[in-house]
Amino acid sequence: MKRVMNSAYMQWAKKSSGSRYNLATSGVASYPLSELPVTVEDLDPLARAGDYGYPPLQKALAAHCGVAPENVVAAAGTSMANMLAMAAILEPGDEVLVEHPTYELLLSALGYLQADIHRFSRRSETGFALDPAEIERAITPRTRLIAITNLHNPSSAFTSEATLRAVGAIARSVGARVLSDEVYLDAACNTSGTAFHLGPEFVVTSSLTKVYGLSGLRCGWILAEPDLARRIWQLDDLFDVNMAHPAERLSVIAFQNIERIRERSRALLETNRALLNPFLASRSDLEVRPLEFGTTVFPRLLSGSVDSFCRFFRDRYFGTVVPGLFFEMPHHFRIGIGGETAQLRESLAQLSSALDEFRS
């Protein structure tokens, strides 16, 4: 089995996604540092004694997630959290069930770990809802991990507690774990909280990067049972040793102000959905459901090549969306709505004009 050594999506995102009318970004616009009560003294000292986690941040993360500190492993963003969690759970050749479509970097990380990747479908005709029956059909006695995202990346479909409990029961039946990437979950209102509380088979990853506009802090985390958490901490010695301490200190301050940051994000997304959904309803050339919550939507282009359209949108209109090929769905593309409202309004207008011209 050949080891995967790169991520095609991340190469595209870093080199080709930037544009004047950028609809490719999946997170919320950056939260202004000036709105946090931070002084230079708050960042001193720049280093700390080595330990498994910075105690004030461990306490803040535990309180945020409603768990004990020994269930929390801090990590450099959700991508590193996913890598560490999967690496601690899996051996080369272990069977993993992964939803389709999914975030490309998740598959690339599993390819690097030399996992035996199997798939189950989240179908566009149901709005990409997670269906436990699809997992039950695909699972085998060899399955060691089921990997899902909630909210779903790329569609923002929400998975209910009842559905997650059903997935957990399926995992328990073969002795597997469930990895739930919840980095977008806080963009949904009135959720029941993290899936970690649903049973010991659940391992959860998340961060402040997407919903809170704090990607520069790289404040991510893993929720796991204490024995697995200790194993992940020790594995991380091979990667990070310790997080950058100024980022840890800023993250503690962010958690002290998290409700204000959360409300800013939710207000922005609510306003932006009010722009997006009429745009989607006006497009007879796109097949997609209205966006209920979340930061991304994943429409299907009904006529023409998505790859050709993405090049056309960039070359003629200076705009970007994410081609569906990065989610193994080449007839779709992903739109992100987390930017500033004025920029989103202008970008959607450019996207509409580009779709009109491309169709004609």
Foldseek 3Di string as FASTA:
>chain_A
DDAQDDFPQVVCVVPPQDWLQGQADFFAAADDPVPFPDDPVLCPPQDDDFDQDDVLLLVLVCVVQVHDSLQKHKDQAQLRVLLLLDLLQDAAAQEEEEEFQAFLSSVNSCSNRNYNYDYFYQDVVVLSADDVVSVLVGDDLRHAEYEAEACGPPARDHYALVRLLSNVVSCVVNNHAYEYEDAFNLQDPPHPGDCVVSDQSYKYKYACVGQLNHSVLSTIMIGHDNVSSVSSSVVCCVPCSDGRSSSSSVVSSCSVVVVVSNVVSNVQQVLLLVLVQVLVVVDPQWDFDRDPTRFKRKIFGNDDWQVVLQVQLCPPVRYHWAACVSSVPRRITMGTRNYGNVSNNVSSVSVVVSVVVVVD
